[in-house]
Amino acid sequence: MNIALYPRHPGWAMTERGERALDQTRDTLTIGPSRLSWIGDSLEIEVDELTFPLPSRIRGRILVRPRALVAGAFALDEQARHRWCPIATRADVEVRLTSPRLEWCGLGYLDSNFGDEPLEAGFHDWQWSRVHLAGEERVFYEGRRVNGSHFALGLAFDRTGTPAVIPLPPLAPLRRTLWGIRRVARAEAASIRRTWEDTPFYARTALAVRLEGEIAPAVHESLSLSRLRHPLVRMLLPWRMPRRP
């Protein structure tokens, strides 16, 4: 279970756990002391995690109420070994943590990546972003596969969660991260509001973009799987992702 808090109460936890710490039913996924449960039409996330390397407790409850559910998944490669499912592109979210003491309500998003092999076996890198416009959402997802081919998705989601393929907007270049990760957004214009995560192989960024005549907030992710494959990066992973067999 990965949970990240920014920026007022910074905290980051992601502990890899063994098979005995995992339990799954039709509506519930338990990973160690944390659990995700579908209750009616809402997803309830009970968090009880320890940050690393500086230990502190993140404990509390997150409630995700999708305004609409998206049916189906999108294949990211020709053999459909890697799939992406935008479960809910707009959701009402309540965060109530007891440690640290933190409460928040607002708009959120829920999706899932899953597949039949590790991500780094299929891709060199990718760029992903989502934009909340006044009435709809836009998601852009593109990258390079290890076989040299490219994929690119431009999707519009209406209030019912129905997706429609749209032309890709122009590329809006952004400055590289401190670790040199390439960042580029799909928009008429884009500016960086805050870099939330800046690691050797991954960056998460808050943007302000101009898209379809609107100025809107966006969340952007850059992932370099080539970096993740590097032995030095592999050696550093346990310092952010401890393992509990």
C-alpha atoms as a PDB file:
ATOM      1  CA  MET A   1       0.000   0.000   0.000  1.00  0.00           C
ATOM      2  CA  ASN A   2       1.554   3.260  -1.130  1.00  0.00           C
ATOM      3  CA  ILE A   3       0.368   6.491   0.454  1.00  0.00           C
ATOM      4  CA  ALA A   4       1.920   9.909  -0.112  1.00  0.00           C
ATOM      5  CA  LEU A   5       1.053  13.177   1.639  1.00  0.00           C
ATOM      6  CA  TYR A   6       2.079  16.621   0.392  1.00  0.00           C
ATOM      7  CA  PRO A   7       3.058  19.249   1.136  1.00  0.00           C
ATOM      8  CA  ARG A   8       1.922  20.456   4.559  1.00  0.00           C
ATOM      9  CA  HIS A   9       2.183  17.056   6.266  1.00  0.00           C
ATOM     10  CA  PRO A  10       4.847  15.290   4.169  1.00  0.00           C
ATOM     11  CA  GLY A  11       4.908  11.543   4.445  1.00  0.00           C
ATOM     12  CA  TRP A  12       5.570   8.611   2.122  1.00  0.00           C
ATOM     13  CA  ALA A  13       5.018   4.926   2.863  1.00  0.00           C
ATOM     14  CA  MET A  14       5.299   1.891   0.607  1.00  0.00           C
ATOM     15  CA  THR A  15       6.184  -1.407   2.241  1.00  0.00           C
ATOM     16  CA  GLU A  16       6.437  -4.542   0.099  1.00  0.00           C
ATOM     17  CA  ARG A  17       4.898  -7.489   1.920  1.00  0.00           C
ATOM     18  CA  GLY A  18       4.952 -11.249   1.500  1.00  0.00           C
ATOM     19  CA  GLU A  19       2.163 -13.557   0.369  1.00  0.00           C
ATOM     20  CA  ARG A  20       1.002 -14.305   3.911  1.00  0.00           C
ATOM     21  CA  ALA A  21       0.204 -10.603   4.411  1.00  0.00           C
ATOM     22  CA  LEU A  22      -2.168 -10.622   1.421  1.00  0.00           C
ATOM     23  CA  ASP A  23      -5.850 -11.539   1.468  1.00  0.00           C
ATOM     24  CA  GLN A  24      -8.365 -10.934  -1.311  1.00  0.00           C
ATOM     25  CA  THR A  25     -12.103 -11.459  -1.601  1.00  0.00           C
ATOM     26  CA  ARG A  26     -14.600 -10.226  -4.185  1.00  0.00           C
ATOM     27  CA  ASP A  27     -14.932  -6.828  -2.483  1.00  0.00           C
ATOM     28  CA  THR A  28     -11.839  -6.520  -0.274  1.00  0.00           C
ATOM     29  CA  LEU A  29      -8.074  -6.417  -0.690  1.00  0.00           C
ATOM     30  CA  THR A  30      -5.965  -6.598   2.479  1.00  0.00           C
ATOM     31  CA  ILE A  31      -2.243  -5.824   2.367  1.00  0.00           C
ATOM     32  CA  GLY A  32      -0.677  -6.166   5.811  1.00  0.00           C
ATOM     33  CA  PRO A  33      -2.449  -3.806   8.233  1.00  0.00           C
ATOM     34  CA  SER A  34      -4.154  -1.788   5.452  1.00  0.00           C
ATOM     35  CA  ARG A  35      -7.288  -2.663   3.500  1.00  0.00           C
ATOM     36  CA  LEU A  36      -9.373  -1.544   0.519  1.00  0.00           C
ATOM     37  CA  SER A  37     -13.088  -2.444   0.485  1.00  0.00           C
ATOM     38  CA  TRP A  38     -15.933  -1.768  -1.904  1.00  0.00           C
ATOM     39  CA  ILE A  39     -18.961  -0.914   0.245  1.00  0.00           C
ATOM     40  CA  GLY A  40     -21.988  -0.240  -1.907  1.00  0.00           C
ATOM     41  CA  ASP A  41     -20.844   2.202  -4.585  1.00  0.00           C
ATOM     42  CA  SER A  42     -17.903   3.571  -2.549  1.00  0.00           C
ATOM     43  CA  LEU A  43     -14.315   2.466  -2.041  1.00  0.00           C
ATOM     44  CA  GLU A  44     -13.163   2.627   1.569  1.00  0.00           C
ATOM     45  CA  ILE A  45      -9.416   2.605   2.193  1.00  0.00           C
ATOM     46  CA  GLU A  46      -8.203   1.907   5.719  1.00  0.00           C
ATOM     47  CA  VAL A  47      -4.564   2.960   6.019  1.00  0.00           C
ATOM     48  CA  ASP A  48      -2.122   1.893   8.736  1.00  0.00           C
ATOM     49  CA  GLU A  49       1.399   2.312   7.397  1.00  0.00           C
ATOM     50  CA  LEU A  50       4.865   3.369   8.549  1.00  0.00           C
ATOM     51  CA  THR A  51       6.935   5.904   6.621  1.00  0.00           C
ATOM     52  CA  PHE A  52      10.529   5.091   5.689  1.00  0.00           C
ATOM     53  CA  PRO A  53      13.428   5.795   6.172  1.00  0.00           C
ATOM     54  CA  LEU A  54      12.313   8.248   8.907  1.00  0.00           C
ATOM     55  CA  PRO A  55       9.563   6.324  10.742  1.00  0.00           C
ATOM     56  CA  SER A  56       6.217   7.933  11.467  1.00  0.00           C
ATOM     57  CA  ARG A  57       2.705   6.520  11.414  1.00  0.00           C
ATOM     58  CA  ILE A  58       0.122   7.241   8.701  1.00  0.00           C
ATOM     59  CA  ARG A  59      -3.223   5.977   9.936  1.00  0.00           C
ATOM     60  CA  GLY A  60      -6.809   6.767   9.029  1.00  0.00           C
ATOM     61  CA  ARG A  61      -9.539   6.328   6.435  1.00  0.00           C
ATOM     62  CA  ILE A  62     -10.051   7.493   2.855  1.00  0.00           C
ATOM     63  CA  LEU A  63     -13.471   7.279   1.218  1.00  0.00           C
ATOM     64  CA  VAL A  64     -13.741   7.421  -2.586  1.00  0.00           C
ATOM     65  CA  ARG A  65     -17.218   7.906  -4.093  1.00  0.00           C
ATOM     66  CA  PRO A  66     -17.072   7.630  -7.907  1.00  0.00           C
ATOM     67  CA  ARG A  67     -19.499   9.895  -9.715  1.00  0.00           C
ATOM     68  CA  ALA A  68     -19.489   7.326 -12.523  1.00  0.00           C
ATOM     69  CA  LEU A  69     -17.678   4.056 -13.214  1.00  0.00           C
ATOM     70  CA  VAL A  70     -15.795   3.386 -16.445  1.00  0.00           C
ATOM     71  CA  ALA A  71     -16.376  -0.025 -18.001  1.00  0.00           C
ATOM     72  CA  GLY A  72     -13.492  -1.937 -19.535  1.00  0.00           C
ATOM     73  CA  ALA A  73      -9.727  -1.589 -19.848  1.00  0.00           C
ATOM     74  CA  PHE A  74      -7.312  -0.358 -22.509  1.00  0.00           C
ATOM     75  CA  ALA A  75      -4.431  -2.505 -23.775  1.00  0.00           C
ATOM     76  CA  LEU A  76      -1.075  -0.705 -23.800  1.00  0.00           C
ATOM     77  CA  ASP A  77       0.717  -3.218 -26.033  1.00  0.00           C
ATOM     78  CA  GLU A  78      -0.149  -5.392 -29.021  1.00  0.00           C
ATOM     79  CA  GLN A  79      -0.338  -8.610 -26.979  1.00  0.00           C
ATOM     80  CA  ALA A  80      -2.427  -6.960 -24.205  1.00  0.00           C
ATOM     81  CA  ARG A  81       0.111  -8.013 -21.586  1.00  0.00           C
ATOM     82  CA  HIS A  82      -0.291  -4.584 -19.990  1.00  0.00           C
ATOM     83  CA  ARG A  83      -3.700  -3.028 -19.373  1.00  0.00           C
ATOM     84  CA  TRP A  84      -4.920   0.231 -17.912  1.00  0.00           C
ATOM     85  CA  CYS A  85      -8.386   0.721 -16.441  1.00  0.00           C
ATOM     86  CA  PRO A  86      -9.609   4.262 -15.603  1.00  0.00           C
ATOM     87  CA  ILE A  87     -12.079   3.081 -12.966  1.00  0.00           C
ATOM     88  CA  ALA A  88     -13.458   6.511 -12.037  1.00  0.00           C
ATOM     89  CA  THR A  89     -12.142   9.656 -13.708  1.00  0.00           C
ATOM     90  CA  ARG A  90     -14.021  11.897 -11.270  1.00  0.00           C
ATOM     91  CA  ALA A  91     -14.813  10.999  -7.669  1.00  0.00           C
ATOM     92  CA  ASP A  92     -15.645  12.719  -4.394  1.00  0.00           C
ATOM     93  CA  VAL A  93     -12.939  11.956  -1.854  1.00  0.00           C
ATOM     94  CA  GLU A  94     -12.898  12.281   1.932  1.00  0.00           C
ATOM     95  CA  VAL A  95      -9.613  11.923   3.805  1.00  0.00           C
ATOM     96  CA  ARG A  96      -9.740  11.551   7.585  1.00  0.00           C
ATOM     97  CA  LEU A  97      -6.407  10.684   9.159  1.00  0.00           C
ATOM     98  CA  THR A  98      -5.772  10.340  12.869  1.00  0.00           C
ATOM     99  CA  SER A  99      -1.982  10.266  12.383  1.00  0.00           C
ATOM    100  CA  PRO A 100      -1.062  12.853  11.340  1.00  0.00           C
ATOM    101  CA  ARG A 101      -4.257  14.734  12.160  1.00  0.00           C
ATOM    102  CA  LEU A 102      -5.522  15.671   8.731  1.00  0.00           C
ATOM    103  CA  GLU A 103      -8.930  16.053   7.074  1.00  0.00           C
ATOM    104  CA  TRP A 104      -9.634  16.927   3.468  1.00  0.00           C
ATOM    105  CA  CYS A 105     -12.540  16.741   0.990  1.00  0.00           C
ATOM    106  CA  GLY A 106     -12.369  17.321  -2.733  1.00  0.00           C
ATOM    107  CA  LEU A 107     -12.235  15.850  -6.200  1.00  0.00           C
ATOM    108  CA  GLY A 108     -10.196  12.748  -6.932  1.00  0.00           C
ATOM    109  CA  TYR A 109      -9.511  10.059  -9.486  1.00  0.00           C
ATOM    110  CA  LEU A 110      -9.176   6.261  -9.426  1.00  0.00           C
ATOM    111  CA  ASP A 111      -7.494   3.973 -11.937  1.00  0.00           C
ATOM    112  CA  SER A 112      -5.552   0.710 -12.137  1.00  0.00           C
ATOM    113  CA  ASN A 113      -2.608  -0.710 -14.075  1.00  0.00           C
ATOM    114  CA  PHE A 114      -2.296  -4.481 -14.242  1.00  0.00           C
ATOM    115  CA  GLY A 115      -0.662  -7.057 -16.458  1.00  0.00           C
ATOM    116  CA  ASP A 116       1.115 -10.342 -17.023  1.00  0.00           C
ATOM    117  CA  GLU A 117       4.738  -9.189 -16.710  1.00  0.00           C
ATOM    118  CA  PRO A 118       6.695  -6.422 -14.935  1.00  0.00           C
ATOM    119  CA  LEU A 119       6.273  -2.940 -16.402  1.00  0.00           C
ATOM    120  CA  GLU A 120       9.985  -2.675 -17.174  1.00  0.00           C
ATOM    121  CA  ALA A 121       9.713  -5.759 -19.398  1.00  0.00           C
ATOM    122  CA  GLY A 122       7.296  -3.923 -21.688  1.00  0.00           C
ATOM    123  CA  PHE A 123       8.235  -0.231 -21.726  1.00  0.00           C
ATOM    124  CA  HIS A 124      11.157   2.190 -21.834  1.00  0.00           C
ATOM    125  CA  ASP A 125       9.157   5.138 -20.511  1.00  0.00           C
ATOM    126  CA  TRP A 126       5.781   6.860 -20.514  1.00  0.00           C
ATOM    127  CA  GLN A 127       4.029  10.162 -19.911  1.00  0.00           C
ATOM    128  CA  TRP A 128       0.560  10.303 -18.359  1.00  0.00           C
ATOM    129  CA  SER A 129      -1.701  13.188 -17.381  1.00  0.00           C
ATOM    130  CA  ARG A 130      -5.296  13.851 -16.391  1.00  0.00           C
ATOM    131  CA  VAL A 131      -7.120  17.157 -16.602  1.00  0.00           C
ATOM    132  CA  HIS A 132     -10.348  18.099 -14.818  1.00  0.00           C
ATOM    133  CA  LEU A 133     -12.260  20.451 -17.114  1.00  0.00           C
ATOM    134  CA  ALA A 134     -15.488  22.117 -15.989  1.00  0.00           C
ATOM    135  CA  GLY A 135     -17.740  19.222 -16.962  1.00  0.00           C
ATOM    136  CA  GLU A 136     -15.532  16.437 -18.267  1.00  0.00           C
ATOM    137  CA  GLU A 137     -12.109  14.845 -17.857  1.00  0.00           C
ATOM    138  CA  ARG A 138      -9.277  14.362 -20.307  1.00  0.00           C
ATOM    139  CA  VAL A 139      -6.608  11.680 -19.961  1.00  0.00           C
ATOM    140  CA  PHE A 140      -3.465  11.429 -22.100  1.00  0.00           C
ATOM    141  CA  TYR A 141      -1.254   8.374 -21.964  1.00  0.00           C
ATOM    142  CA  GLU A 142       1.715   7.692 -24.229  1.00  0.00           C
ATOM    143  CA  GLY A 143       5.111   6.036 -24.196  1.00  0.00           C
ATOM    144  CA  ARG A 144       7.788   3.896 -25.816  1.00  0.00           C
ATOM    145  CA  ARG A 145       7.701   0.116 -25.715  1.00  0.00           C
ATOM    146  CA  VAL A 146      10.858  -2.008 -25.454  1.00  0.00           C
ATOM    147  CA  ASN A 147      10.319  -3.232 -29.031  1.00  0.00           C
ATOM    148  CA  GLY A 148      10.763   0.347 -30.279  1.00  0.00           C
ATOM    149  CA  SER A 149       7.104   1.053 -31.037  1.00  0.00           C
ATOM    150  CA  HIS A 150       5.047   3.822 -29.457  1.00  0.00           C
ATOM    151  CA  PHE A 151       1.561   4.032 -27.983  1.00  0.00           C
ATOM    152  CA  ALA A 152      -0.562   7.126 -27.460  1.00  0.00           C
ATOM    153  CA  LEU A 153      -4.076   7.553 -26.078  1.00  0.00           C
ATOM    154  CA  GLY A 154      -6.178  10.695 -25.927  1.00  0.00           C
ATOM    155  CA  LEU A 155      -9.491  10.149 -24.132  1.00  0.00           C
ATOM    156  CA  ALA A 156     -12.429  12.316 -23.098  1.00  0.00           C
ATOM    157  CA  PHE A 157     -14.749  11.122 -20.325  1.00  0.00           C
ATOM    158  CA  ASP A 158     -18.212  12.615 -19.902  1.00  0.00           C
ATOM    159  CA  ARG A 159     -20.307  12.769 -16.723  1.00  0.00           C
ATOM    160  CA  THR A 160     -21.470   9.162 -17.227  1.00  0.00           C
ATOM    161  CA  GLY A 161     -17.883   7.871 -17.436  1.00  0.00           C
ATOM    162  CA  THR A 162     -18.224   7.052 -21.138  1.00  0.00           C
ATOM    163  CA  PRO A 163     -14.850   7.363 -22.932  1.00  0.00           C
ATOM    164  CA  ALA A 164     -14.345   8.825 -26.390  1.00  0.00           C
ATOM    165  CA  VAL A 165     -11.083   8.848 -28.347  1.00  0.00           C
ATOM    166  CA  ILE A 166      -9.990  12.404 -29.162  1.00  0.00           C
ATOM    167  CA  PRO A 167      -7.094  13.862 -31.181  1.00  0.00           C
ATOM    168  CA  LEU A 168      -3.960  14.437 -29.145  1.00  0.00           C
ATOM    169  CA  PRO A 169      -3.317  18.100 -28.301  1.00  0.00           C
ATOM    170  CA  PRO A 170       0.125  19.526 -29.098  1.00  0.00           C
ATOM    171  CA  LEU A 171       3.097  18.694 -26.922  1.00  0.00           C
ATOM    172  CA  ALA A 172       3.803  21.227 -24.181  1.00  0.00           C
ATOM    173  CA  PRO A 173       7.410  20.759 -22.989  1.00  0.00           C
ATOM    174  CA  LEU A 174       8.222  21.079 -19.309  1.00  0.00           C
ATOM    175  CA  ARG A 175      11.594  21.388 -17.609  1.00  0.00           C
ATOM    176  CA  ARG A 176      13.274  18.140 -16.598  1.00  0.00           C
ATOM    177  CA  THR A 177      13.286  17.027 -12.987  1.00  0.00           C
ATOM    178  CA  LEU A 178      16.314  17.322 -10.714  1.00  0.00           C
ATOM    179  CA  TRP A 179      17.078  13.691 -11.610  1.00  0.00           C
ATOM    180  CA  GLY A 180      16.877  14.523 -15.311  1.00  0.00           C
ATOM    181  CA  ILE A 181      13.565  12.779 -16.002  1.00  0.00           C
ATOM    182  CA  ARG A 182      11.916  14.083 -19.171  1.00  0.00           C
ATOM    183  CA  ARG A 183       8.503  15.698 -18.696  1.00  0.00           C
ATOM    184  CA  VAL A 184       6.116  16.686 -21.474  1.00  0.00           C
ATOM    185  CA  ALA A 185       2.360  17.352 -21.318  1.00  0.00           C
ATOM    186  CA  ARG A 186      -0.439  17.344 -23.863  1.00  0.00           C
ATOM    187  CA  ALA A 187      -2.004  20.820 -23.835  1.00  0.00           C
ATOM    188  CA  GLU A 188      -2.041  24.139 -25.605  1.00  0.00           C
ATOM    189  CA  ALA A 189       0.188  25.413 -22.784  1.00  0.00           C
ATOM    190  CA  ALA A 190       1.365  24.009 -19.444  1.00  0.00           C
ATOM    191  CA  SER A 191       3.255  25.249 -16.403  1.00  0.00           C
ATOM    192  CA  ILE A 192       4.542  23.436 -13.314  1.00  0.00           C
ATOM    193  CA  ARG A 193       2.777  24.352 -10.073  1.00  0.00           C
ATOM    194  CA  ARG A 194       4.627  21.869  -7.859  1.00  0.00           C
ATOM    195  CA  THR A 195       6.761  18.760  -8.238  1.00  0.00           C
ATOM    196  CA  TRP A 196       5.389  16.287  -5.701  1.00  0.00           C
ATOM    197  CA  GLU A 197       7.699  13.343  -6.399  1.00  0.00           C
ATOM    198  CA  ASP A 198      11.182  13.586  -7.900  1.00  0.00           C
ATOM    199  CA  THR A 199      13.006  10.246  -7.894  1.00  0.00           C
ATOM    200  CA  PRO A 200      15.622   8.636 -10.184  1.00  0.00           C
ATOM    201  CA  PHE A 201      12.922   6.936 -12.288  1.00  0.00           C
ATOM    202  CA  TYR A 202       9.572   8.584 -11.482  1.00  0.00           C
ATOM    203  CA  ALA A 203       8.101  12.073 -11.162  1.00  0.00           C
ATOM    204  CA  ARG A 204       4.634  13.257 -10.140  1.00  0.00           C
ATOM    205  CA  THR A 205       3.794  16.868 -10.892  1.00  0.00           C
ATOM    206  CA  ALA A 206       0.917  19.305 -10.368  1.00  0.00           C
ATOM    207  CA  LEU A 207       0.351  21.397 -13.489  1.00  0.00           C
ATOM    208  CA  ALA A 208      -1.775  24.280 -14.668  1.00  0.00           C
ATOM    209  CA  VAL A 209      -2.732  23.760 -18.325  1.00  0.00           C
ATOM    210  CA  ARG A 210      -4.660  25.531 -21.043  1.00  0.00           C
ATOM    211  CA  LEU A 211      -6.818  22.994 -22.861  1.00  0.00           C
ATOM    212  CA  GLU A 212      -9.837  23.549 -25.116  1.00  0.00           C
ATOM    213  CA  GLY A 213      -9.915  27.186 -24.079  1.00  0.00           C
ATOM    214  CA  GLU A 214      -9.969  26.452 -20.318  1.00  0.00           C
ATOM    215  CA  ILE A 215      -7.324  26.977 -17.676  1.00  0.00           C
ATOM    216  CA  ALA A 216      -7.477  23.840 -15.537  1.00  0.00           C
ATOM    217  CA  PRO A 217      -5.475  21.875 -12.956  1.00  0.00           C
ATOM    218  CA  ALA A 218      -3.772  18.685 -14.078  1.00  0.00           C
ATOM    219  CA  VAL A 219      -1.782  15.844 -12.556  1.00  0.00           C
ATOM    220  CA  HIS A 220       1.169  14.561 -14.567  1.00  0.00           C
ATOM    221  CA  GLU A 221       3.370  11.484 -14.203  1.00  0.00           C
ATOM    222  CA  SER A 222       6.651  10.595 -15.922  1.00  0.00           C
ATOM    223  CA  LEU A 223       8.037   7.087 -15.589  1.00  0.00           C
ATOM    224  CA  SER A 224      11.405   5.867 -16.868  1.00  0.00           C
ATOM    225  CA  LEU A 225      11.521   2.077 -16.839  1.00  0.00           C
ATOM    226  CA  SER A 226      14.995   2.179 -18.357  1.00  0.00           C
ATOM    227  CA  ARG A 227      16.129   3.911 -15.175  1.00  0.00           C
ATOM    228  CA  LEU A 228      14.225   1.429 -13.018  1.00  0.00           C
ATOM    229  CA  ARG A 229      16.112  -1.443 -14.661  1.00  0.00           C
ATOM    230  CA  HIS A 230      19.481   0.070 -13.736  1.00  0.00           C
ATOM    231  CA  PRO A 231      21.298  -1.962 -11.026  1.00  0.00           C
ATOM    232  CA  LEU A 232      22.140   1.158  -8.997  1.00  0.00           C
ATOM    233  CA  VAL A 233      18.478   2.210  -8.855  1.00  0.00           C
ATOM    234  CA  ARG A 234      17.513  -1.356  -7.894  1.00  0.00           C
ATOM    235  CA  MET A 235      20.015  -1.186  -5.055  1.00  0.00           C
ATOM    236  CA  LEU A 236      18.471   2.079  -3.776  1.00  0.00           C
ATOM    237  CA  LEU A 237      14.839   0.869  -3.828  1.00  0.00           C
ATOM    238  CA  PRO A 238      14.820  -0.710  -0.332  1.00  0.00           C
ATOM    239  CA  TRP A 239      15.615   2.709   1.151  1.00  0.00           C
ATOM    240  CA  ARG A 240      12.175   3.909   0.055  1.00  0.00           C
ATOM    241  CA  MET A 241      10.363   0.560  -0.235  1.00  0.00           C
ATOM    242  CA  PRO A 242      11.349  -1.752   2.631  1.00  0.00           C
ATOM    243  CA  ARG A 243      10.418  -5.424   2.343  1.00  0.00           C
ATOM    244  CA  ARG A 244       8.587  -7.375   5.017  1.00  0.00           C
ATOM    245  CA  PRO A 245       8.522 -11.027   3.830  1.00  0.00           C
END
